Amino acid sequence: MDDLGVASDDQVILAWLQAEIESPPFQEYLIGDPPKPSHLARGLALARNPDLANAEQNVGRRRIIASAHGFGVGTLIFAGLADDITWRRVRVSVSEVAEMLYSNRNAAWTTLAPATRKVAEGATNATRVFAGDDTNMHILALASTICHADPAPILSELICLRLPDGSISVVEGHARATAIVVEAHRLADGVDAYIGDSPSINNWAYL
């Protein structure tokens, strides 16, 4: 693992939004009910034309990720965490990604990696264990993109937390991490990630 330096909440939030913004389900979430297409247009602009020096943009992105995932407010996937996470940007090898843990309580991930929760187990099972939803298709579609792109694509950063025992848990990018391990041969130089440390990690609901 190569440490690339300190990262801010704003950088992590931008990476998270960029990773999700092209997903139809996430776009539907942004539109809302009753539908407000302007909300999607705003989200797309914040992801596609970012200016991290613009405080208004940063507030807008934070509002979206806080609402969708509990970032900074101790709810949803951040349940039990205080707003005290410090982030670093790192470069990790695919073998290090393989050792990362799934943190999501979604039954798809516990189905794919029931023994270890490790991404390596999920990657091994992605083609032979049905997750119960469209997770397998999503993983294999991402893997196909990685396999056939020339050159290999630049992927959104994985967003992770460091657990008390030193292991790393994925917070955002479960399917992407799995596809990375499936197509390890295409990513010899590794991938980028954000890893967070928090004094409140012992209280995290997803340990």
N, C-alpha and C. Protein backbone atom coordinates (compact mmCIF):
# COMPACT_ATOMS: atom_id res chain seq x y z
N MET A 1 0.85 -1.19 0.00
CA MET A 1 0.00 0.00 0.00
C MET A 1 0.89 1.24 0.00
N ASP A 2 0.67 2.12 -0.95
CA ASP A 2 1.41 3.37 -1.05
C ASP A 2 0.55 4.51 -0.55
N ASP A 3 1.03 5.23 0.45
CA ASP A 3 0.30 6.36 1.02
C ASP A 3 0.50 7.57 0.13
N LEU A 4 -0.58 8.13 -0.39
CA LEU A 4 -0.52 9.28 -1.29
C LEU A 4 -0.86 10.58 -0.59
N GLY A 5 -1.10 10.53 0.73
CA GLY A 5 -1.31 11.77 1.48
C GLY A 5 -2.70 11.93 2.05
N VAL A 6 -2.83 12.99 2.84
CA VAL A 6 -4.10 13.30 3.50
C VAL A 6 -5.16 13.66 2.46
N ALA A 7 -6.38 13.25 2.72
CA ALA A 7 -7.53 13.60 1.86
C ALA A 7 -8.61 14.24 2.73
N SER A 8 -9.41 15.07 2.11
CA SER A 8 -10.48 15.76 2.82
C SER A 8 -11.81 15.04 2.65
N ASP A 9 -12.75 15.35 3.53
CA ASP A 9 -14.12 14.86 3.34
C ASP A 9 -14.63 15.21 1.95
N ASP A 10 -14.34 16.42 1.50
CA ASP A 10 -14.87 16.87 0.21
C ASP A 10 -14.35 16.01 -0.93
N GLN A 11 -13.10 15.59 -0.88
CA GLN A 11 -12.55 14.71 -1.92
C GLN A 11 -13.24 13.34 -1.90
N VAL A 12 -13.43 12.81 -0.70
CA VAL A 12 -14.05 11.50 -0.57
C VAL A 12 -15.50 11.55 -1.05
N ILE A 13 -16.22 12.57 -0.66
CA ILE A 13 -17.62 12.72 -1.06
C ILE A 13 -17.73 12.86 -2.58
N LEU A 14 -16.84 13.63 -3.19
CA LEU A 14 -16.86 13.76 -4.65
C LEU A 14 -16.63 12.41 -5.31
N ALA A 15 -15.64 11.65 -4.82
CA ALA A 15 -15.37 10.33 -5.39
C ALA A 15 -16.59 9.43 -5.27
N TRP A 16 -17.28 9.50 -4.14
CA TRP A 16 -18.46 8.68 -3.90
C TRP A 16 -19.57 9.04 -4.89
N LEU A 17 -19.81 10.33 -5.04
CA LEU A 17 -20.86 10.77 -5.96
C LEU A 17 -20.52 10.38 -7.40
N GLN A 18 -19.28 10.55 -7.79
CA GLN A 18 -18.88 10.19 -9.16
C GLN A 18 -19.01 8.68 -9.41
N ALA A 19 -18.78 7.89 -8.37
CA ALA A 19 -18.90 6.44 -8.53
C ALA A 19 -20.34 6.01 -8.73
N GLU A 20 -21.29 6.76 -8.18
CA GLU A 20 -22.69 6.34 -8.21
C GLU A 20 -23.56 7.07 -9.22
N ILE A 21 -23.10 8.20 -9.71
CA ILE A 21 -24.00 9.11 -10.41
C ILE A 21 -24.57 8.53 -11.71
N GLU A 22 -23.86 7.60 -12.36
CA GLU A 22 -24.36 7.05 -13.62
C GLU A 22 -25.28 5.85 -13.39
N SER A 23 -25.46 5.44 -12.15
CA SER A 23 -26.33 4.30 -11.85
C SER A 23 -27.79 4.71 -11.95
N PRO A 24 -28.59 4.00 -12.77
CA PRO A 24 -30.02 4.35 -12.87
C PRO A 24 -30.74 4.36 -11.52
N PRO A 25 -30.53 3.39 -10.62
CA PRO A 25 -31.23 3.45 -9.33
C PRO A 25 -30.86 4.70 -8.54
N PHE A 26 -29.58 5.10 -8.59
CA PHE A 26 -29.18 6.30 -7.85
C PHE A 26 -29.77 7.55 -8.50
N GLN A 27 -29.86 7.56 -9.81
CA GLN A 27 -30.48 8.70 -10.48
C GLN A 27 -31.96 8.80 -10.12
N GLU A 28 -32.63 7.65 -10.02
CA GLU A 28 -34.02 7.66 -9.59
C GLU A 28 -34.15 8.19 -8.17
N TYR A 29 -33.19 7.82 -7.31
CA TYR A 29 -33.19 8.33 -5.94
C TYR A 29 -33.07 9.86 -5.95
N LEU A 30 -32.19 10.39 -6.80
CA LEU A 30 -32.01 11.84 -6.85
C LEU A 30 -33.26 12.54 -7.36
N ILE A 31 -33.91 11.95 -8.32
CA ILE A 31 -35.13 12.56 -8.86
C ILE A 31 -36.20 12.64 -7.79
N GLY A 32 -36.31 11.58 -6.98
CA GLY A 32 -37.24 11.58 -5.86
C GLY A 32 -38.67 11.30 -6.26
N ASP A 33 -39.52 11.32 -5.25
CA ASP A 33 -40.96 11.09 -5.44
C ASP A 33 -41.72 12.03 -4.50
N PRO A 34 -42.46 12.99 -5.05
CA PRO A 34 -42.74 13.22 -6.48
C PRO A 34 -41.49 13.62 -7.25
N PRO A 35 -41.44 13.28 -8.55
CA PRO A 35 -40.24 13.50 -9.35
C PRO A 35 -39.85 14.98 -9.45
N LYS A 36 -38.57 15.24 -9.26
CA LYS A 36 -38.01 16.57 -9.44
C LYS A 36 -36.74 16.43 -10.28
N PRO A 37 -36.90 16.43 -11.62
CA PRO A 37 -35.73 16.24 -12.50
C PRO A 37 -34.61 17.23 -12.25
N SER A 38 -34.93 18.40 -11.72
CA SER A 38 -33.89 19.39 -11.45
C SER A 38 -32.89 18.88 -10.41
N HIS A 39 -33.35 18.01 -9.50
CA HIS A 39 -32.45 17.45 -8.50
C HIS A 39 -31.40 16.55 -9.17
N LEU A 40 -31.83 15.77 -10.16
CA LEU A 40 -30.89 14.93 -10.90
C LEU A 40 -29.93 15.81 -11.68
N ALA A 41 -30.44 16.84 -12.34
CA ALA A 41 -29.58 17.72 -13.12
C ALA A 41 -28.51 18.35 -12.24
N ARG A 42 -28.90 18.74 -11.03
CA ARG A 42 -27.95 19.33 -10.10
C ARG A 42 -26.90 18.30 -9.68
N GLY A 43 -27.34 17.09 -9.38
CA GLY A 43 -26.40 16.04 -8.99
C GLY A 43 -25.42 15.72 -10.09
N LEU A 44 -25.90 15.62 -11.32
CA LEU A 44 -25.03 15.35 -12.46
C LEU A 44 -23.98 16.45 -12.62
N ALA A 45 -24.40 17.69 -12.48
CA ALA A 45 -23.46 18.81 -12.62
C ALA A 45 -22.41 18.78 -11.51
N LEU A 46 -22.83 18.46 -10.29
CA LEU A 46 -21.89 18.42 -9.17
C LEU A 46 -20.86 17.30 -9.33
N ALA A 47 -21.26 16.22 -9.99
CA ALA A 47 -20.34 15.09 -10.20
C ALA A 47 -19.46 15.29 -11.42
N ARG A 48 -20.04 15.80 -12.50
CA ARG A 48 -19.32 15.85 -13.77
C ARG A 48 -18.47 17.11 -13.95
N ASN A 49 -18.83 18.18 -13.27
CA ASN A 49 -18.09 19.43 -13.40
C ASN A 49 -17.70 19.96 -12.02
N PRO A 50 -16.90 19.19 -11.29
CA PRO A 50 -16.63 19.56 -9.91
C PRO A 50 -15.57 20.65 -9.77
N ASP A 51 -15.74 21.45 -8.73
CA ASP A 51 -14.75 22.44 -8.32
C ASP A 51 -14.63 22.33 -6.81
N LEU A 52 -13.60 21.65 -6.35
CA LEU A 52 -13.45 21.42 -4.92
C LEU A 52 -13.14 22.70 -4.15
N ALA A 53 -12.81 23.78 -4.86
CA ALA A 53 -12.59 25.06 -4.20
C ALA A 53 -13.90 25.85 -4.01
N ASN A 54 -14.99 25.30 -4.56
CA ASN A 54 -16.29 25.97 -4.48
C ASN A 54 -17.06 25.43 -3.28
N ALA A 55 -17.21 26.25 -2.24
CA ALA A 55 -17.85 25.80 -1.00
C ALA A 55 -19.30 25.39 -1.23
N GLU A 56 -20.00 26.09 -2.10
CA GLU A 56 -21.40 25.77 -2.37
C GLU A 56 -21.52 24.38 -2.99
N GLN A 57 -20.63 24.07 -3.94
CA GLN A 57 -20.64 22.74 -4.54
C GLN A 57 -20.36 21.67 -3.48
N ASN A 58 -19.38 21.91 -2.64
CA ASN A 58 -19.04 20.93 -1.61
C ASN A 58 -20.21 20.66 -0.68
N VAL A 59 -20.91 21.72 -0.31
CA VAL A 59 -22.09 21.56 0.55
C VAL A 59 -23.16 20.75 -0.17
N GLY A 60 -23.36 21.01 -1.45
CA GLY A 60 -24.35 20.28 -2.23
C GLY A 60 -24.04 18.80 -2.33
N ARG A 61 -22.78 18.47 -2.60
CA ARG A 61 -22.40 17.07 -2.69
C ARG A 61 -22.53 16.38 -1.33
N ARG A 62 -22.11 17.09 -0.27
CA ARG A 62 -22.22 16.51 1.08
C ARG A 62 -23.67 16.23 1.43
N ARG A 63 -24.56 17.12 1.06
CA ARG A 63 -25.98 16.93 1.36
C ARG A 63 -26.50 15.66 0.69
N ILE A 64 -26.10 15.42 -0.56
CA ILE A 64 -26.56 14.24 -1.29
C ILE A 64 -26.04 12.96 -0.62
N ILE A 65 -24.74 12.90 -0.34
CA ILE A 65 -24.16 11.66 0.20
C ILE A 65 -24.57 11.45 1.65
N ALA A 66 -24.77 12.53 2.40
CA ALA A 66 -25.27 12.39 3.77
C ALA A 66 -26.68 11.82 3.76
N SER A 67 -27.52 12.31 2.86
CA SER A 67 -28.89 11.83 2.78
C SER A 67 -28.97 10.40 2.29
N ALA A 68 -28.14 10.05 1.28
CA ALA A 68 -28.21 8.73 0.67
C ALA A 68 -27.52 7.66 1.51
N HIS A 69 -26.46 8.05 2.23
CA HIS A 69 -25.62 7.03 2.89
C HIS A 69 -25.28 7.34 4.35
N GLY A 70 -25.68 8.48 4.86
CA GLY A 70 -25.41 8.80 6.26
C GLY A 70 -24.05 9.38 6.53
N PHE A 71 -23.34 9.80 5.49
CA PHE A 71 -21.99 10.35 5.65
C PHE A 71 -22.01 11.54 6.61
N GLY A 72 -21.24 11.43 7.69
CA GLY A 72 -21.09 12.54 8.62
C GLY A 72 -22.21 12.71 9.61
N VAL A 73 -23.28 11.90 9.49
CA VAL A 73 -24.41 12.07 10.40
C VAL A 73 -24.71 10.80 11.19
N GLY A 74 -23.86 9.77 11.02
CA GLY A 74 -23.96 8.57 11.85
C GLY A 74 -25.19 7.72 11.60
N THR A 75 -25.68 7.71 10.37
CA THR A 75 -26.82 6.87 10.02
C THR A 75 -26.47 5.99 8.83
N LEU A 76 -27.40 5.08 8.48
CA LEU A 76 -27.24 4.20 7.33
C LEU A 76 -25.90 3.48 7.41
N ILE A 77 -25.07 3.51 6.37
CA ILE A 77 -23.83 2.74 6.42
C ILE A 77 -22.81 3.36 7.38
N PHE A 78 -23.05 4.58 7.85
CA PHE A 78 -22.19 5.21 8.84
C PHE A 78 -22.78 5.10 10.25
N ALA A 79 -23.75 4.23 10.43
CA ALA A 79 -24.38 4.07 11.73
C ALA A 79 -23.35 3.72 12.80
N GLY A 80 -23.36 4.48 13.88
CA GLY A 80 -22.44 4.26 14.99
C GLY A 80 -21.17 5.09 14.91
N LEU A 81 -20.89 5.71 13.77
CA LEU A 81 -19.68 6.50 13.59
C LEU A 81 -19.95 7.97 13.90
N ALA A 82 -19.02 8.59 14.60
CA ALA A 82 -19.09 10.04 14.80
C ALA A 82 -18.52 10.73 13.56
N ASP A 83 -18.73 12.03 13.48
CA ASP A 83 -18.20 12.80 12.35
C ASP A 83 -16.75 13.15 12.65
N ASP A 84 -15.91 12.11 12.75
CA ASP A 84 -14.51 12.29 13.17
C ASP A 84 -13.55 11.49 12.30
N ILE A 85 -13.97 11.10 11.12
CA ILE A 85 -13.14 10.26 10.26
C ILE A 85 -12.05 11.10 9.61
N THR A 86 -10.81 10.62 9.68
CA THR A 86 -9.71 11.23 8.95
C THR A 86 -9.36 10.32 7.79
N TRP A 87 -9.12 10.91 6.63
CA TRP A 87 -8.96 10.15 5.39
C TRP A 87 -7.56 10.29 4.83
N ARG A 88 -7.11 9.21 4.19
CA ARG A 88 -5.88 9.25 3.41
C ARG A 88 -6.15 8.58 2.06
N ARG A 89 -5.53 9.14 1.05
CA ARG A 89 -5.60 8.53 -0.28
C ARG A 89 -4.44 7.56 -0.41
N VAL A 90 -4.70 6.36 -0.92
CA VAL A 90 -3.67 5.35 -1.02
C VAL A 90 -3.75 4.66 -2.38
N ARG A 91 -2.67 4.02 -2.73
CA ARG A 91 -2.64 3.12 -3.89
C ARG A 91 -2.50 1.72 -3.36
N VAL A 92 -3.43 0.86 -3.71
CA VAL A 92 -3.42 -0.51 -3.19
C VAL A 92 -3.27 -1.50 -4.34
N SER A 93 -2.60 -2.60 -4.06
CA SER A 93 -2.48 -3.67 -5.05
C SER A 93 -3.79 -4.46 -5.10
N VAL A 94 -3.96 -5.20 -6.17
CA VAL A 94 -5.17 -6.02 -6.28
C VAL A 94 -5.19 -7.09 -5.19
N SER A 95 -4.04 -7.59 -4.81
CA SER A 95 -4.01 -8.58 -3.72
C SER A 95 -4.48 -7.96 -2.41
N GLU A 96 -4.20 -6.68 -2.21
CA GLU A 96 -4.70 -5.99 -1.01
C GLU A 96 -6.20 -5.77 -1.09
N VAL A 97 -6.71 -5.48 -2.29
CA VAL A 97 -8.16 -5.37 -2.46
C VAL A 97 -8.81 -6.71 -2.14
N ALA A 98 -8.19 -7.80 -2.57
CA ALA A 98 -8.75 -9.13 -2.34
C ALA A 98 -8.92 -9.43 -0.85
N GLU A 99 -8.05 -8.86 -0.01
CA GLU A 99 -8.11 -9.10 1.43
C GLU A 99 -9.09 -8.17 2.15
N MET A 100 -9.62 -7.19 1.44
CA MET A 100 -10.60 -6.29 2.05
C MET A 100 -11.88 -7.04 2.39
N LEU A 101 -12.62 -6.50 3.34
CA LEU A 101 -13.87 -7.11 3.78
C LEU A 101 -15.07 -6.38 3.22
N TYR A 102 -16.13 -7.13 2.93
CA TYR A 102 -17.42 -6.51 2.63
C TYR A 102 -18.01 -6.00 3.95
N SER A 103 -18.48 -4.76 3.93
CA SER A 103 -19.10 -4.20 5.14
C SER A 103 -20.61 -4.12 5.03
N ASN A 104 -21.09 -4.17 3.81
CA ASN A 104 -22.52 -3.97 3.59
C ASN A 104 -23.34 -5.11 4.18
N ARG A 105 -24.41 -4.77 4.87
CA ARG A 105 -25.29 -5.79 5.42
C ARG A 105 -26.20 -6.42 4.37
N ASN A 106 -26.16 -5.89 3.18
CA ASN A 106 -26.96 -6.45 2.09
C ASN A 106 -26.70 -7.94 1.97
N ALA A 107 -27.78 -8.71 1.91
CA ALA A 107 -27.66 -10.17 1.88
C ALA A 107 -26.86 -10.67 0.69
N ALA A 108 -26.79 -9.87 -0.38
CA ALA A 108 -26.02 -10.30 -1.56
C ALA A 108 -24.56 -10.56 -1.20
N TRP A 109 -23.99 -9.70 -0.38
CA TRP A 109 -22.56 -9.82 -0.07
C TRP A 109 -22.30 -10.94 0.93
N THR A 110 -23.19 -11.14 1.88
CA THR A 110 -23.01 -12.26 2.80
C THR A 110 -23.25 -13.58 2.09
N THR A 111 -24.05 -13.56 1.03
CA THR A 111 -24.26 -14.77 0.22
C THR A 111 -23.01 -15.10 -0.60
N LEU A 112 -22.37 -14.07 -1.15
CA LEU A 112 -21.20 -14.31 -1.99
C LEU A 112 -19.95 -14.61 -1.16
N ALA A 113 -19.89 -14.13 0.07
CA ALA A 113 -18.70 -14.38 0.90
C ALA A 113 -19.11 -14.78 2.31
N PRO A 114 -19.80 -15.91 2.44
CA PRO A 114 -20.34 -16.30 3.75
C PRO A 114 -19.28 -16.74 4.75
N ALA A 115 -18.15 -17.21 4.27
CA ALA A 115 -17.15 -17.77 5.19
C ALA A 115 -16.21 -16.72 5.76
N THR A 116 -15.79 -15.77 4.91
CA THR A 116 -14.74 -14.85 5.32
C THR A 116 -15.11 -13.38 5.24
N ARG A 117 -16.17 -13.05 4.48
CA ARG A 117 -16.53 -11.67 4.16
C ARG A 117 -15.50 -11.00 3.26
N LYS A 118 -14.50 -11.73 2.79
CA LYS A 118 -13.44 -11.13 1.99
C LYS A 118 -13.85 -10.97 0.53
N VAL A 119 -13.34 -9.92 -0.08
CA VAL A 119 -13.60 -9.68 -1.50
C VAL A 119 -13.10 -10.85 -2.33
N ALA A 120 -11.99 -11.46 -1.94
CA ALA A 120 -11.47 -12.62 -2.69
C ALA A 120 -12.49 -13.73 -2.78
N GLU A 121 -13.19 -13.99 -1.69
CA GLU A 121 -14.21 -15.04 -1.71
C GLU A 121 -15.37 -14.64 -2.61
N GLY A 122 -15.77 -13.39 -2.55
CA GLY A 122 -16.84 -12.92 -3.41
C GLY A 122 -16.48 -13.00 -4.87
N ALA A 123 -15.22 -12.69 -5.20
CA ALA A 123 -14.78 -12.76 -6.59
C ALA A 123 -14.79 -14.20 -7.09
N THR A 124 -14.39 -15.13 -6.24
CA THR A 124 -14.41 -16.55 -6.61
C THR A 124 -15.83 -17.04 -6.86
N ASN A 125 -16.77 -16.54 -6.06
CA ASN A 125 -18.15 -17.02 -6.15
C ASN A 125 -19.02 -16.25 -7.13
N ALA A 126 -18.50 -15.16 -7.68
CA ALA A 126 -19.35 -14.27 -8.49
C ALA A 126 -19.96 -14.98 -9.70
N THR A 127 -19.27 -16.00 -10.24
CA THR A 127 -19.79 -16.68 -11.42
C THR A 127 -20.51 -17.97 -11.08
N ARG A 128 -20.58 -18.34 -9.80
CA ARG A 128 -21.16 -19.64 -9.49
C ARG A 128 -22.15 -19.65 -8.34
N VAL A 129 -22.26 -18.54 -7.62
CA VAL A 129 -23.22 -18.45 -6.51
C VAL A 129 -24.15 -17.29 -6.79
N PHE A 130 -25.43 -17.57 -6.89
CA PHE A 130 -26.40 -16.52 -7.18
C PHE A 130 -26.65 -15.70 -5.92
N ALA A 131 -26.44 -14.39 -6.03
CA ALA A 131 -26.56 -13.50 -4.87
C ALA A 131 -28.00 -13.19 -4.49
N GLY A 132 -28.94 -13.54 -5.38
CA GLY A 132 -30.34 -13.31 -5.07
C GLY A 132 -30.93 -12.08 -5.71
N ASP A 133 -30.09 -11.29 -6.39
CA ASP A 133 -30.56 -10.09 -7.08
C ASP A 133 -29.68 -9.87 -8.30
N ASP A 134 -29.48 -8.62 -8.72
CA ASP A 134 -28.68 -8.38 -9.93
C ASP A 134 -27.21 -8.14 -9.63
N THR A 135 -26.76 -8.45 -8.40
CA THR A 135 -25.38 -8.20 -8.02
C THR A 135 -24.39 -8.93 -8.92
N ASN A 136 -24.65 -10.20 -9.21
CA ASN A 136 -23.74 -10.96 -10.08
C ASN A 136 -23.58 -10.30 -11.43
N MET A 137 -24.70 -9.89 -12.04
CA MET A 137 -24.64 -9.24 -13.34
C MET A 137 -23.85 -7.95 -13.28
N HIS A 138 -24.03 -7.20 -12.20
CA HIS A 138 -23.33 -5.92 -12.05
C HIS A 138 -21.83 -6.16 -11.95
N ILE A 139 -21.43 -7.14 -11.13
CA ILE A 139 -20.01 -7.46 -10.99
C ILE A 139 -19.42 -7.88 -12.34
N LEU A 140 -20.10 -8.78 -13.03
CA LEU A 140 -19.56 -9.32 -14.28
C LEU A 140 -19.54 -8.28 -15.39
N ALA A 141 -20.49 -7.35 -15.38
CA ALA A 141 -20.46 -6.26 -16.35
C ALA A 141 -19.26 -5.36 -16.12
N LEU A 142 -19.00 -5.05 -14.85
CA LEU A 142 -17.82 -4.24 -14.54
C LEU A 142 -16.54 -4.99 -14.90
N ALA A 143 -16.50 -6.27 -14.60
CA ALA A 143 -15.33 -7.08 -14.93
C ALA A 143 -15.09 -7.11 -16.44
N SER A 144 -16.16 -7.22 -17.21
CA SER A 144 -16.03 -7.22 -18.67
C SER A 144 -15.45 -5.90 -19.18
N THR A 145 -15.91 -4.80 -18.58
CA THR A 145 -15.39 -3.48 -18.96
C THR A 145 -13.90 -3.40 -18.67
N ILE A 146 -13.50 -3.86 -17.48
CA ILE A 146 -12.08 -3.84 -17.13
C ILE A 146 -11.28 -4.72 -18.08
N CYS A 147 -11.84 -5.88 -18.42
CA CYS A 147 -11.14 -6.84 -19.26
C CYS A 147 -10.91 -6.33 -20.67
N HIS A 148 -11.91 -5.70 -21.24
CA HIS A 148 -11.87 -5.38 -22.66
C HIS A 148 -11.45 -3.95 -22.98
N ALA A 149 -11.41 -3.06 -21.99
CA ALA A 149 -11.00 -1.68 -22.26
C ALA A 149 -9.52 -1.65 -22.62
N ASP A 150 -9.15 -0.79 -23.54
CA ASP A 150 -7.76 -0.65 -23.96
C ASP A 150 -7.42 0.83 -24.10
N PRO A 151 -6.65 1.37 -23.16
CA PRO A 151 -6.02 0.70 -22.02
C PRO A 151 -7.05 0.39 -20.92
N ALA A 152 -6.57 -0.26 -19.85
CA ALA A 152 -7.46 -0.56 -18.73
C ALA A 152 -8.06 0.74 -18.21
N PRO A 153 -9.32 0.71 -17.82
CA PRO A 153 -10.00 1.95 -17.43
C PRO A 153 -9.49 2.50 -16.11
N ILE A 154 -9.63 3.83 -15.95
CA ILE A 154 -9.38 4.46 -14.66
C ILE A 154 -10.65 4.33 -13.84
N LEU A 155 -10.57 3.67 -12.71
CA LEU A 155 -11.75 3.37 -11.91
C LEU A 155 -11.91 4.37 -10.77
N SER A 156 -13.14 4.59 -10.37
CA SER A 156 -13.40 5.42 -9.20
C SER A 156 -12.72 4.80 -7.99
N GLU A 157 -12.27 5.66 -7.09
CA GLU A 157 -11.58 5.18 -5.90
C GLU A 157 -12.52 4.35 -5.02
N LEU A 158 -12.00 3.28 -4.44
CA LEU A 158 -12.73 2.57 -3.40
C LEU A 158 -12.72 3.43 -2.14
N ILE A 159 -13.79 3.35 -1.38
CA ILE A 159 -13.87 4.10 -0.13
C ILE A 159 -14.00 3.09 1.00
N CYS A 160 -13.06 3.16 1.94
CA CYS A 160 -12.92 2.10 2.94
C CYS A 160 -12.69 2.69 4.33
N LEU A 161 -12.80 1.82 5.32
CA LEU A 161 -12.47 2.16 6.70
C LEU A 161 -11.49 1.13 7.25
N ARG A 162 -10.59 1.60 8.12
CA ARG A 162 -9.67 0.71 8.79
C ARG A 162 -10.30 0.24 10.11
N LEU A 163 -10.37 -1.06 10.30
CA LEU A 163 -10.99 -1.64 11.49
C LEU A 163 -9.97 -1.72 12.63
N PRO A 164 -10.44 -1.94 13.86
CA PRO A 164 -9.53 -1.98 15.01
C PRO A 164 -8.40 -2.99 14.89
N ASP A 165 -8.63 -4.09 14.18
CA ASP A 165 -7.59 -5.11 14.04
C ASP A 165 -6.65 -4.83 12.87
N GLY A 166 -6.85 -3.68 12.20
CA GLY A 166 -5.99 -3.31 11.08
C GLY A 166 -6.50 -3.72 9.72
N SER A 167 -7.51 -4.56 9.66
CA SER A 167 -8.07 -4.95 8.37
C SER A 167 -8.85 -3.78 7.77
N ILE A 168 -9.11 -3.88 6.48
CA ILE A 168 -9.77 -2.80 5.74
C ILE A 168 -11.13 -3.27 5.27
N SER A 169 -12.15 -2.46 5.53
CA SER A 169 -13.51 -2.79 5.12
C SER A 169 -13.98 -1.82 4.05
N VAL A 170 -14.55 -2.35 3.00
CA VAL A 170 -15.11 -1.50 1.94
C VAL A 170 -16.39 -0.86 2.44
N VAL A 171 -16.52 0.43 2.20
CA VAL A 171 -17.76 1.15 2.51
C VAL A 171 -18.52 1.43 1.22
N GLU A 172 -17.81 1.91 0.22
CA GLU A 172 -18.41 2.15 -1.10
C GLU A 172 -17.53 1.47 -2.14
N GLY A 173 -18.17 0.70 -3.03
CA GLY A 173 -17.43 0.06 -4.11
C GLY A 173 -17.35 -1.44 -4.00
N HIS A 174 -18.33 -2.07 -3.36
CA HIS A 174 -18.31 -3.53 -3.18
C HIS A 174 -18.22 -4.26 -4.53
N ALA A 175 -19.09 -3.91 -5.45
CA ALA A 175 -19.09 -4.58 -6.76
C ALA A 175 -17.82 -4.24 -7.53
N ARG A 176 -17.40 -3.01 -7.45
CA ARG A 176 -16.19 -2.59 -8.16
C ARG A 176 -14.96 -3.33 -7.62
N ALA A 177 -14.85 -3.43 -6.30
CA ALA A 177 -13.73 -4.17 -5.71
C ALA A 177 -13.73 -5.62 -6.17
N THR A 178 -14.91 -6.21 -6.23
CA THR A 178 -15.01 -7.61 -6.65
C THR A 178 -14.59 -7.78 -8.11
N ALA A 179 -15.05 -6.88 -8.96
CA ALA A 179 -14.67 -6.94 -10.38
C ALA A 179 -13.17 -6.72 -10.55
N ILE A 180 -12.58 -5.86 -9.74
CA ILE A 180 -11.13 -5.62 -9.79
C ILE A 180 -10.38 -6.92 -9.52
N VAL A 181 -10.83 -7.68 -8.53
CA VAL A 181 -10.16 -8.93 -8.19
C VAL A 181 -10.39 -9.98 -9.28
N VAL A 182 -11.59 -10.00 -9.86
CA VAL A 182 -11.88 -10.94 -10.95
C VAL A 182 -10.91 -10.72 -12.11
N GLU A 183 -10.63 -9.45 -12.41
CA GLU A 183 -9.77 -9.11 -13.56
C GLU A 183 -8.42 -8.59 -13.08
N ALA A 184 -7.85 -9.23 -12.09
CA ALA A 184 -6.60 -8.77 -11.47
C ALA A 184 -5.47 -8.58 -12.48
N HIS A 185 -5.43 -9.45 -13.51
CA HIS A 185 -4.34 -9.40 -14.47
C HIS A 185 -4.31 -8.11 -15.27
N ARG A 186 -5.44 -7.40 -15.31
CA ARG A 186 -5.52 -6.15 -16.08
C ARG A 186 -5.10 -4.94 -15.26
N LEU A 187 -4.86 -5.13 -13.97
CA LEU A 187 -4.61 -3.99 -13.09
C LEU A 187 -3.35 -4.23 -12.28
N ALA A 188 -2.28 -4.49 -12.99
CA ALA A 188 -1.02 -4.83 -12.33
C ALA A 188 -0.48 -3.69 -11.46
N ASP A 189 -0.85 -2.47 -11.79
CA ASP A 189 -0.36 -1.31 -11.02
C ASP A 189 -1.25 -0.97 -9.84
N GLY A 190 -2.30 -1.76 -9.62
CA GLY A 190 -3.19 -1.51 -8.50
C GLY A 190 -4.24 -0.45 -8.80
N VAL A 191 -4.94 -0.03 -7.76
CA VAL A 191 -6.02 0.96 -7.89
C VAL A 191 -5.93 1.93 -6.71
N ASP A 192 -6.61 3.05 -6.86
CA ASP A 192 -6.63 4.05 -5.80
C ASP A 192 -7.80 3.83 -4.85
N ALA A 193 -7.60 4.25 -3.62
CA ALA A 193 -8.65 4.12 -2.60
C ALA A 193 -8.50 5.23 -1.58
N TYR A 194 -9.58 5.51 -0.88
CA TYR A 194 -9.55 6.36 0.30
C TYR A 194 -9.78 5.46 1.51
N ILE A 195 -8.93 5.59 2.51
CA ILE A 195 -9.09 4.81 3.73
C ILE A 195 -9.26 5.76 4.90
N GLY A 196 -10.33 5.54 5.67
CA GLY A 196 -10.64 6.38 6.80
C GLY A 196 -10.32 5.71 8.12
N ASP A 197 -9.88 6.52 9.07
CA ASP A 197 -9.67 6.07 10.45
C ASP A 197 -10.57 6.91 11.35
N SER A 198 -11.13 6.27 12.37
CA SER A 198 -12.05 6.96 13.26
C SER A 198 -11.94 6.43 14.68
N PRO A 199 -11.84 7.32 15.67
CA PRO A 199 -11.87 6.87 17.07
C PRO A 199 -13.15 6.13 17.42
N SER A 200 -14.21 6.37 16.66
CA SER A 200 -15.51 5.76 16.96
C SER A 200 -15.74 4.46 16.21
N ILE A 201 -14.69 3.91 15.56
CA ILE A 201 -14.87 2.74 14.72
C ILE A 201 -15.40 1.55 15.50
N ASN A 202 -15.08 1.46 16.80
CA ASN A 202 -15.57 0.33 17.61
C ASN A 202 -17.09 0.32 17.72
N ASN A 203 -17.70 1.46 17.46
CA ASN A 203 -19.16 1.56 17.55
C ASN A 203 -19.86 1.39 16.21
N TRP A 204 -19.07 1.13 15.17
CA TRP A 204 -19.65 1.03 13.82
C TRP A 204 -20.56 -0.18 13.73
N ALA A 205 -21.74 0.03 13.20
CA ALA A 205 -22.74 -1.05 13.12
C ALA A 205 -22.35 -2.13 12.11
N TYR A 206 -21.37 -1.85 11.25
CA TYR A 206 -21.02 -2.78 10.17
C TYR A 206 -19.69 -3.50 10.42
N LEU A 207 -19.22 -3.51 11.64
CA LEU A 207 -18.00 -4.25 11.97
C LEU A 207 -18.19 -5.74 11.62
